[in-house]
Amino acid sequence: MCQIFCRVLLKQLHWLSIEWHIKFKIACIIYKTISTTQPAYLYSSLKHYTPSRTFRSSDSKLLFVLRVRTCFGSRSFAVAARTIWNSLPLAIRSSVSTYSFRCQLKTFFYNLAFWPLQCPTRPRASDSAGLSLTLCTLQIYLITYLLINTLTYLRT
């Protein structure tokens, strides 16, 4: 019960949970490092991904992610920062100012953290993952449709 209340409170205050806030801070550090080349020790450790052939993603500002074998290694700053950076959409990575980057990033992480709604029931082990995901998506669309129609009815 407390976990649900905390999630609702975070959503109302438009705050990110600790997990997403950590990702937000890491992404901001990487953006500042790439855009200002400072601090030098961080900038020198970041390697831009350059594919051997020319692809559409060649100019997408991706970073080379180190391969690790353990979960502990994936939590290191060198790996986690690059993974978080590469998971951002190109529009956010290509922001022209720190202010616009932070605004777009917070909105992006907020949407990931609080939407889509969680399925009310857990899928059974016998269900395939695709079927349970489809049912969850249908439930979300149905709820959205009902909310929109209710709001339209109340306005008239």
N, C-alpha and C. Protein backbone atom coordinates (compact mmCIF):
# COMPACT_ATOMS: atom_id res chain seq x y z
N MET A 1 0.82 -1.19 0.00
CA MET A 1 0.00 0.00 0.00
C MET A 1 0.86 1.25 0.00
N CYS A 2 1.91 1.24 0.81
CA CYS A 2 2.79 2.40 0.90
C CYS A 2 3.51 2.63 -0.43
N GLN A 3 3.88 1.54 -1.12
CA GLN A 3 4.58 1.67 -2.39
C GLN A 3 3.69 2.34 -3.43
N ILE A 4 2.41 1.98 -3.45
CA ILE A 4 1.47 2.59 -4.38
C ILE A 4 1.28 4.06 -4.04
N PHE A 5 1.15 4.38 -2.75
CA PHE A 5 0.97 5.76 -2.33
C PHE A 5 2.19 6.61 -2.72
N CYS A 6 3.39 6.06 -2.50
CA CYS A 6 4.62 6.79 -2.85
C CYS A 6 4.69 7.04 -4.35
N ARG A 7 4.31 6.04 -5.14
CA ARG A 7 4.33 6.19 -6.60
C ARG A 7 3.34 7.27 -7.04
N VAL A 8 2.16 7.28 -6.44
CA VAL A 8 1.16 8.29 -6.78
C VAL A 8 1.65 9.67 -6.36
N LEU A 9 2.26 9.77 -5.20
CA LEU A 9 2.78 11.04 -4.72
C LEU A 9 3.89 11.56 -5.63
N LEU A 10 4.81 10.68 -6.03
CA LEU A 10 5.87 11.08 -6.95
C LEU A 10 5.30 11.58 -8.26
N LYS A 11 4.27 10.91 -8.74
CA LYS A 11 3.65 11.31 -10.01
C LYS A 11 2.96 12.67 -9.87
N GLN A 12 2.28 12.90 -8.77
CA GLN A 12 1.60 14.19 -8.57
C GLN A 12 2.59 15.34 -8.44
N LEU A 13 3.71 15.09 -7.78
CA LEU A 13 4.73 16.13 -7.62
C LEU A 13 5.63 16.26 -8.84
N HIS A 14 5.44 15.37 -9.82
CA HIS A 14 6.26 15.34 -11.03
C HIS A 14 7.73 15.12 -10.69
N TRP A 15 7.97 14.21 -9.75
CA TRP A 15 9.33 13.85 -9.34
C TRP A 15 9.65 12.48 -9.92
N LEU A 16 10.93 12.25 -10.09
CA LEU A 16 11.38 10.93 -10.54
C LEU A 16 11.73 10.08 -9.32
N SER A 17 11.56 8.78 -9.46
CA SER A 17 11.98 7.88 -8.38
C SER A 17 13.51 7.88 -8.32
N ILE A 18 14.05 7.27 -7.30
CA ILE A 18 15.51 7.28 -7.11
C ILE A 18 16.22 6.66 -8.30
N GLU A 19 15.73 5.54 -8.78
CA GLU A 19 16.35 4.86 -9.93
C GLU A 19 16.42 5.77 -11.15
N TRP A 20 15.32 6.43 -11.47
CA TRP A 20 15.27 7.31 -12.64
C TRP A 20 16.04 8.60 -12.40
N HIS A 21 16.07 9.06 -11.16
CA HIS A 21 16.82 10.28 -10.84
C HIS A 21 18.32 10.04 -11.02
N ILE A 22 18.79 8.86 -10.64
CA ILE A 22 20.20 8.51 -10.83
C ILE A 22 20.52 8.49 -12.33
N LYS A 23 19.66 7.88 -13.13
CA LYS A 23 19.86 7.86 -14.58
C LYS A 23 19.85 9.27 -15.15
N PHE A 24 18.97 10.13 -14.62
CA PHE A 24 18.89 11.53 -15.05
C PHE A 24 20.21 12.25 -14.78
N LYS A 25 20.75 12.09 -13.59
CA LYS A 25 22.01 12.75 -13.23
C LYS A 25 23.17 12.24 -14.09
N ILE A 26 23.23 10.93 -14.32
CA ILE A 26 24.29 10.37 -15.15
C ILE A 26 24.20 10.92 -16.57
N ALA A 27 23.00 10.96 -17.12
CA ALA A 27 22.83 11.48 -18.49
C ALA A 27 23.22 12.96 -18.56
N CYS A 28 22.90 13.74 -17.53
CA CYS A 28 23.28 15.16 -17.52
C CYS A 28 24.80 15.31 -17.46
N ILE A 29 25.46 14.48 -16.68
CA ILE A 29 26.93 14.54 -16.61
C ILE A 29 27.54 14.22 -17.97
N ILE A 30 27.01 13.21 -18.63
CA ILE A 30 27.54 12.83 -19.95
C ILE A 30 27.28 13.94 -20.97
N TYR A 31 26.08 14.54 -20.94
CA TYR A 31 25.78 15.62 -21.88
C TYR A 31 26.74 16.79 -21.68
N LYS A 32 26.95 17.19 -20.43
CA LYS A 32 27.86 18.30 -20.17
C LYS A 32 29.29 17.96 -20.58
N THR A 33 29.68 16.72 -20.37
CA THR A 33 31.02 16.30 -20.75
C THR A 33 31.20 16.32 -22.26
N ILE A 34 30.20 15.84 -22.99
CA ILE A 34 30.30 15.82 -24.45
C ILE A 34 30.22 17.22 -25.03
N SER A 35 29.34 18.05 -24.50
CA SER A 35 29.13 19.38 -25.09
C SER A 35 30.23 20.37 -24.73
N THR A 36 30.84 20.23 -23.56
CA THR A 36 31.87 21.21 -23.15
C THR A 36 33.27 20.62 -23.12
N THR A 37 33.41 19.34 -23.35
CA THR A 37 34.68 18.59 -23.26
C THR A 37 35.35 18.75 -21.90
N GLN A 38 34.57 19.05 -20.90
CA GLN A 38 35.10 19.19 -19.53
C GLN A 38 34.30 18.29 -18.60
N PRO A 39 34.80 17.66 -17.64
CA PRO A 39 36.21 17.54 -17.27
C PRO A 39 36.97 16.65 -18.26
N ALA A 40 38.22 16.94 -18.44
CA ALA A 40 39.04 16.27 -19.45
C ALA A 40 39.18 14.78 -19.21
N TYR A 41 39.27 14.38 -17.93
CA TYR A 41 39.44 12.95 -17.64
C TYR A 41 38.21 12.15 -18.03
N LEU A 42 37.01 12.74 -17.92
CA LEU A 42 35.80 12.03 -18.36
C LEU A 42 35.69 12.05 -19.88
N TYR A 43 35.99 13.20 -20.49
CA TYR A 43 35.87 13.31 -21.94
C TYR A 43 36.82 12.35 -22.65
N SER A 44 38.02 12.19 -22.10
CA SER A 44 38.98 11.28 -22.73
C SER A 44 38.58 9.82 -22.58
N SER A 45 37.76 9.51 -21.60
CA SER A 45 37.33 8.11 -21.41
C SER A 45 36.14 7.75 -22.29
N LEU A 46 35.44 8.76 -22.84
CA LEU A 46 34.29 8.49 -23.70
C LEU A 46 34.77 8.28 -25.13
N LYS A 47 34.37 7.19 -25.72
CA LYS A 47 34.75 6.88 -27.09
C LYS A 47 33.48 6.87 -27.94
N HIS A 48 33.46 7.70 -28.96
CA HIS A 48 32.31 7.74 -29.86
C HIS A 48 32.29 6.50 -30.74
N TYR A 49 31.09 5.98 -30.95
CA TYR A 49 30.92 4.77 -31.75
C TYR A 49 31.02 5.15 -33.23
N THR A 50 31.93 4.53 -33.92
CA THR A 50 32.06 4.72 -35.36
C THR A 50 31.98 3.35 -36.03
N PRO A 51 30.89 3.07 -36.75
CA PRO A 51 30.75 1.77 -37.40
C PRO A 51 31.74 1.63 -38.56
N SER A 52 32.05 0.40 -38.91
CA SER A 52 33.00 0.15 -39.99
C SER A 52 32.44 0.54 -41.35
N ARG A 53 31.11 0.48 -41.50
CA ARG A 53 30.45 0.90 -42.73
C ARG A 53 29.59 2.12 -42.45
N THR A 54 29.13 2.77 -43.50
CA THR A 54 28.27 3.93 -43.33
C THR A 54 26.82 3.47 -43.21
N PHE A 55 26.22 3.77 -42.06
CA PHE A 55 24.83 3.46 -41.80
C PHE A 55 24.08 4.76 -41.53
N ARG A 56 22.75 4.67 -41.50
CA ARG A 56 21.96 5.85 -41.14
C ARG A 56 22.26 6.30 -39.72
N SER A 57 22.67 5.35 -38.87
CA SER A 57 22.95 5.68 -37.47
C SER A 57 24.38 6.18 -37.26
N SER A 58 25.11 6.42 -38.34
CA SER A 58 26.52 6.83 -38.21
C SER A 58 26.67 8.17 -37.50
N ASP A 59 25.72 9.07 -37.71
CA ASP A 59 25.81 10.39 -37.10
C ASP A 59 24.83 10.56 -35.93
N SER A 60 24.55 9.48 -35.23
CA SER A 60 23.55 9.54 -34.16
C SER A 60 24.15 9.79 -32.78
N LYS A 61 25.42 10.16 -32.72
CA LYS A 61 26.08 10.53 -31.47
C LYS A 61 26.05 9.42 -30.42
N LEU A 62 26.29 8.20 -30.85
CA LEU A 62 26.33 7.07 -29.94
C LEU A 62 27.72 6.92 -29.34
N LEU A 63 27.78 6.30 -28.18
CA LEU A 63 29.06 6.03 -27.51
C LEU A 63 29.34 4.54 -27.57
N PHE A 64 30.61 4.19 -27.63
CA PHE A 64 31.02 2.80 -27.63
C PHE A 64 30.86 2.24 -26.22
N VAL A 65 30.11 1.14 -26.10
CA VAL A 65 29.85 0.53 -24.79
C VAL A 65 30.79 -0.65 -24.59
N LEU A 66 31.49 -0.64 -23.48
CA LEU A 66 32.41 -1.73 -23.15
C LEU A 66 31.63 -3.00 -22.86
N ARG A 67 32.19 -4.14 -23.21
CA ARG A 67 31.57 -5.42 -22.90
C ARG A 67 32.00 -5.86 -21.51
N VAL A 68 31.04 -6.27 -20.72
CA VAL A 68 31.33 -6.77 -19.38
C VAL A 68 30.67 -8.13 -19.21
N ARG A 69 31.21 -8.92 -18.29
CA ARG A 69 30.69 -10.26 -18.09
C ARG A 69 29.84 -10.39 -16.83
N THR A 70 29.90 -9.41 -15.96
CA THR A 70 29.18 -9.52 -14.70
C THR A 70 28.18 -8.39 -14.54
N CYS A 71 27.21 -8.62 -13.70
CA CYS A 71 26.22 -7.58 -13.39
C CYS A 71 26.90 -6.44 -12.64
N PHE A 72 27.86 -6.78 -11.81
CA PHE A 72 28.59 -5.77 -11.06
C PHE A 72 29.35 -4.84 -12.00
N GLY A 73 29.94 -5.41 -13.04
CA GLY A 73 30.67 -4.60 -14.01
C GLY A 73 29.77 -3.68 -14.81
N SER A 74 28.52 -4.11 -15.04
CA SER A 74 27.59 -3.27 -15.81
C SER A 74 27.13 -2.06 -15.01
N ARG A 75 27.36 -2.08 -13.70
CA ARG A 75 26.96 -0.94 -12.87
C ARG A 75 28.05 0.13 -12.77
N SER A 76 29.21 -0.15 -13.33
CA SER A 76 30.29 0.84 -13.27
C SER A 76 29.90 2.06 -14.09
N PHE A 77 30.45 3.20 -13.76
CA PHE A 77 30.11 4.43 -14.46
C PHE A 77 30.46 4.34 -15.94
N ALA A 78 31.59 3.74 -16.25
CA ALA A 78 32.04 3.67 -17.63
C ALA A 78 31.05 2.92 -18.52
N VAL A 79 30.39 1.91 -17.99
CA VAL A 79 29.43 1.13 -18.77
C VAL A 79 28.02 1.71 -18.64
N ALA A 80 27.60 2.01 -17.43
CA ALA A 80 26.23 2.50 -17.21
C ALA A 80 25.99 3.83 -17.91
N ALA A 81 26.96 4.73 -17.86
CA ALA A 81 26.78 6.04 -18.48
C ALA A 81 26.61 5.92 -19.99
N ARG A 82 27.42 5.09 -20.61
CA ARG A 82 27.32 4.91 -22.06
C ARG A 82 26.03 4.22 -22.45
N THR A 83 25.59 3.25 -21.64
CA THR A 83 24.34 2.55 -21.93
C THR A 83 23.15 3.49 -21.81
N ILE A 84 23.15 4.30 -20.76
CA ILE A 84 22.06 5.27 -20.58
C ILE A 84 22.06 6.28 -21.72
N TRP A 85 23.23 6.78 -22.10
CA TRP A 85 23.33 7.76 -23.18
C TRP A 85 22.80 7.18 -24.49
N ASN A 86 23.19 5.95 -24.81
CA ASN A 86 22.76 5.33 -26.06
C ASN A 86 21.28 4.99 -26.07
N SER A 87 20.66 4.88 -24.89
CA SER A 87 19.23 4.56 -24.84
C SER A 87 18.36 5.80 -25.06
N LEU A 88 18.95 6.97 -25.05
CA LEU A 88 18.18 8.20 -25.26
C LEU A 88 17.87 8.38 -26.74
N PRO A 89 16.72 8.97 -27.06
CA PRO A 89 16.42 9.27 -28.46
C PRO A 89 17.40 10.32 -29.02
N LEU A 90 17.59 10.30 -30.32
CA LEU A 90 18.52 11.22 -30.97
C LEU A 90 18.12 12.67 -30.74
N ALA A 91 16.83 12.95 -30.70
CA ALA A 91 16.36 14.33 -30.48
C ALA A 91 16.85 14.87 -29.15
N ILE A 92 16.91 14.03 -28.14
CA ILE A 92 17.39 14.47 -26.82
C ILE A 92 18.91 14.59 -26.84
N ARG A 93 19.59 13.60 -27.42
CA ARG A 93 21.05 13.65 -27.47
C ARG A 93 21.56 14.84 -28.28
N SER A 94 20.75 15.33 -29.22
CA SER A 94 21.16 16.44 -30.08
C SER A 94 20.70 17.80 -29.57
N SER A 95 20.32 17.89 -28.33
CA SER A 95 19.85 19.17 -27.77
C SER A 95 20.94 20.22 -27.88
N VAL A 96 20.49 21.46 -28.08
CA VAL A 96 21.46 22.55 -28.29
C VAL A 96 21.91 23.21 -26.99
N SER A 97 21.12 23.08 -25.94
CA SER A 97 21.50 23.71 -24.67
C SER A 97 21.26 22.74 -23.52
N THR A 98 21.92 23.02 -22.42
CA THR A 98 21.76 22.18 -21.24
C THR A 98 20.34 22.26 -20.72
N TYR A 99 19.74 23.44 -20.77
CA TYR A 99 18.37 23.61 -20.28
C TYR A 99 17.39 22.77 -21.09
N SER A 100 17.48 22.83 -22.42
CA SER A 100 16.56 22.04 -23.25
C SER A 100 16.82 20.55 -23.07
N PHE A 101 18.09 20.17 -22.90
CA PHE A 101 18.40 18.76 -22.68
C PHE A 101 17.76 18.27 -21.39
N ARG A 102 17.90 19.03 -20.31
CA ARG A 102 17.34 18.61 -19.03
C ARG A 102 15.81 18.53 -19.08
N CYS A 103 15.18 19.49 -19.72
CA CYS A 103 13.71 19.48 -19.82
C CYS A 103 13.23 18.27 -20.62
N GLN A 104 13.83 18.04 -21.78
CA GLN A 104 13.43 16.90 -22.60
C GLN A 104 13.72 15.58 -21.90
N LEU A 105 14.87 15.52 -21.23
CA LEU A 105 15.26 14.29 -20.55
C LEU A 105 14.32 13.96 -19.40
N LYS A 106 13.96 14.96 -18.61
CA LYS A 106 13.06 14.71 -17.49
C LYS A 106 11.70 14.26 -17.98
N THR A 107 11.20 14.88 -19.05
CA THR A 107 9.92 14.47 -19.61
C THR A 107 10.00 13.04 -20.14
N PHE A 108 11.09 12.72 -20.81
CA PHE A 108 11.28 11.36 -21.35
C PHE A 108 11.33 10.33 -20.24
N PHE A 109 12.12 10.58 -19.20
CA PHE A 109 12.22 9.63 -18.08
C PHE A 109 10.92 9.56 -17.30
N TYR A 110 10.24 10.69 -17.14
CA TYR A 110 8.96 10.70 -16.43
C TYR A 110 7.95 9.81 -17.16
N ASN A 111 7.92 9.93 -18.49
CA ASN A 111 7.00 9.10 -19.27
C ASN A 111 7.36 7.62 -19.18
N LEU A 112 8.64 7.32 -19.14
CA LEU A 112 9.05 5.93 -18.99
C LEU A 112 8.72 5.39 -17.60
N ALA A 113 8.88 6.22 -16.61
CA ALA A 113 8.67 5.77 -15.23
C ALA A 113 7.19 5.58 -14.88
N PHE A 114 6.33 6.43 -15.43
CA PHE A 114 4.93 6.40 -15.00
C PHE A 114 3.95 5.98 -16.09
N TRP A 115 4.40 5.73 -17.28
CA TRP A 115 3.51 5.28 -18.33
C TRP A 115 4.25 4.27 -19.15
N PRO A 116 3.73 3.16 -19.58
CA PRO A 116 2.34 2.79 -19.54
C PRO A 116 1.93 2.28 -18.16
N LEU A 117 0.64 2.24 -17.96
CA LEU A 117 0.12 1.73 -16.69
C LEU A 117 0.51 0.28 -16.53
N GLN A 118 0.70 -0.13 -15.30
CA GLN A 118 1.03 -1.52 -15.04
C GLN A 118 -0.21 -2.38 -15.22
N CYS A 119 -0.02 -3.57 -15.72
CA CYS A 119 -1.14 -4.50 -15.87
C CYS A 119 -1.68 -4.85 -14.49
N PRO A 120 -3.00 -4.89 -14.32
CA PRO A 120 -3.56 -5.22 -13.01
C PRO A 120 -3.30 -6.65 -12.59
N THR A 121 -3.09 -7.55 -13.52
CA THR A 121 -2.83 -8.94 -13.18
C THR A 121 -1.48 -9.35 -13.74
N ARG A 122 -0.83 -10.24 -13.03
CA ARG A 122 0.45 -10.76 -13.51
C ARG A 122 0.19 -11.86 -14.53
N PRO A 123 0.99 -11.91 -15.58
CA PRO A 123 0.79 -13.00 -16.54
C PRO A 123 1.21 -14.34 -15.93
N ARG A 124 0.47 -15.38 -16.25
CA ARG A 124 0.81 -16.71 -15.75
C ARG A 124 1.99 -17.25 -16.53
N ALA A 125 2.66 -18.23 -15.95
CA ALA A 125 3.83 -18.83 -16.60
C ALA A 125 3.43 -19.52 -17.90
N SER A 126 2.19 -20.00 -17.99
CA SER A 126 1.75 -20.69 -19.20
C SER A 126 1.47 -19.72 -20.34
N ASP A 127 1.21 -18.44 -20.03
CA ASP A 127 0.95 -17.46 -21.07
C ASP A 127 2.25 -17.10 -21.78
N SER A 128 2.13 -16.83 -23.06
CA SER A 128 3.32 -16.35 -23.76
C SER A 128 3.47 -14.87 -23.46
N ALA A 129 4.69 -14.37 -23.55
CA ALA A 129 4.95 -12.96 -23.21
C ALA A 129 4.23 -12.03 -24.16
N GLY A 130 4.15 -12.41 -25.44
CA GLY A 130 3.50 -11.56 -26.42
C GLY A 130 2.01 -11.41 -26.17
N LEU A 131 1.36 -12.50 -25.77
CA LEU A 131 -0.07 -12.46 -25.52
C LEU A 131 -0.39 -11.58 -24.32
N SER A 132 0.38 -11.72 -23.23
CA SER A 132 0.10 -10.91 -22.05
C SER A 132 0.39 -9.44 -22.31
N LEU A 133 1.41 -9.14 -23.14
CA LEU A 133 1.72 -7.76 -23.49
C LEU A 133 0.59 -7.17 -24.34
N THR A 134 0.07 -7.97 -25.26
CA THR A 134 -1.03 -7.51 -26.11
C THR A 134 -2.27 -7.23 -25.26
N LEU A 135 -2.58 -8.11 -24.31
CA LEU A 135 -3.73 -7.89 -23.45
C LEU A 135 -3.56 -6.63 -22.61
N CYS A 136 -2.35 -6.43 -22.10
CA CYS A 136 -2.08 -5.24 -21.30
C CYS A 136 -2.25 -3.98 -22.15
N THR A 137 -1.74 -4.01 -23.39
CA THR A 137 -1.87 -2.86 -24.28
C THR A 137 -3.33 -2.58 -24.58
N LEU A 138 -4.11 -3.63 -24.81
CA LEU A 138 -5.54 -3.45 -25.07
C LEU A 138 -6.25 -2.84 -23.86
N GLN A 139 -5.86 -3.27 -22.66
CA GLN A 139 -6.46 -2.70 -21.45
C GLN A 139 -6.14 -1.21 -21.34
N ILE A 140 -4.93 -0.85 -21.66
CA ILE A 140 -4.53 0.56 -21.59
C ILE A 140 -5.31 1.39 -22.60
N TYR A 141 -5.43 0.89 -23.84
CA TYR A 141 -6.20 1.61 -24.85
C TYR A 141 -7.66 1.74 -24.45
N LEU A 142 -8.21 0.69 -23.87
CA LEU A 142 -9.60 0.73 -23.44
C LEU A 142 -9.80 1.77 -22.34
N ILE A 143 -8.92 1.78 -21.37
CA ILE A 143 -9.01 2.77 -20.28
C ILE A 143 -8.88 4.18 -20.83
N THR A 144 -7.92 4.39 -21.74
CA THR A 144 -7.73 5.71 -22.34
C THR A 144 -8.97 6.14 -23.12
N TYR A 145 -9.53 5.22 -23.90
CA TYR A 145 -10.73 5.52 -24.67
C TYR A 145 -11.89 5.91 -23.76
N LEU A 146 -12.08 5.16 -22.69
CA LEU A 146 -13.17 5.47 -21.76
C LEU A 146 -12.96 6.81 -21.07
N LEU A 147 -11.73 7.11 -20.69
CA LEU A 147 -11.44 8.40 -20.06
C LEU A 147 -11.71 9.56 -21.01
N ILE A 148 -11.28 9.43 -22.25
CA ILE A 148 -11.50 10.51 -23.22
C ILE A 148 -12.98 10.72 -23.46
N ASN A 149 -13.73 9.63 -23.61
CA ASN A 149 -15.17 9.76 -23.83
C ASN A 149 -15.87 10.36 -22.61
N THR A 150 -15.44 9.98 -21.42
CA THR A 150 -16.04 10.54 -20.21
C THR A 150 -15.76 12.03 -20.11
N LEU A 151 -14.53 12.43 -20.40
CA LEU A 151 -14.19 13.85 -20.35
C LEU A 151 -14.95 14.64 -21.41
N THR A 152 -15.11 14.08 -22.59
CA THR A 152 -15.87 14.74 -23.65
C THR A 152 -17.32 14.90 -23.23
N TYR A 153 -17.87 13.86 -22.61
CA TYR A 153 -19.27 13.91 -22.15
C TYR A 153 -19.44 14.96 -21.05
N LEU A 154 -18.48 15.05 -20.14
CA LEU A 154 -18.59 16.00 -19.04
C LEU A 154 -18.46 17.44 -19.52
N ARG A 155 -17.70 17.68 -20.59
CA ARG A 155 -17.54 19.04 -21.10
C ARG A 155 -18.81 19.56 -21.76
N THR A 156 -19.62 18.67 -22.32
CA THR A 156 -20.82 19.12 -23.01
C THR A 156 -21.99 19.30 -22.09
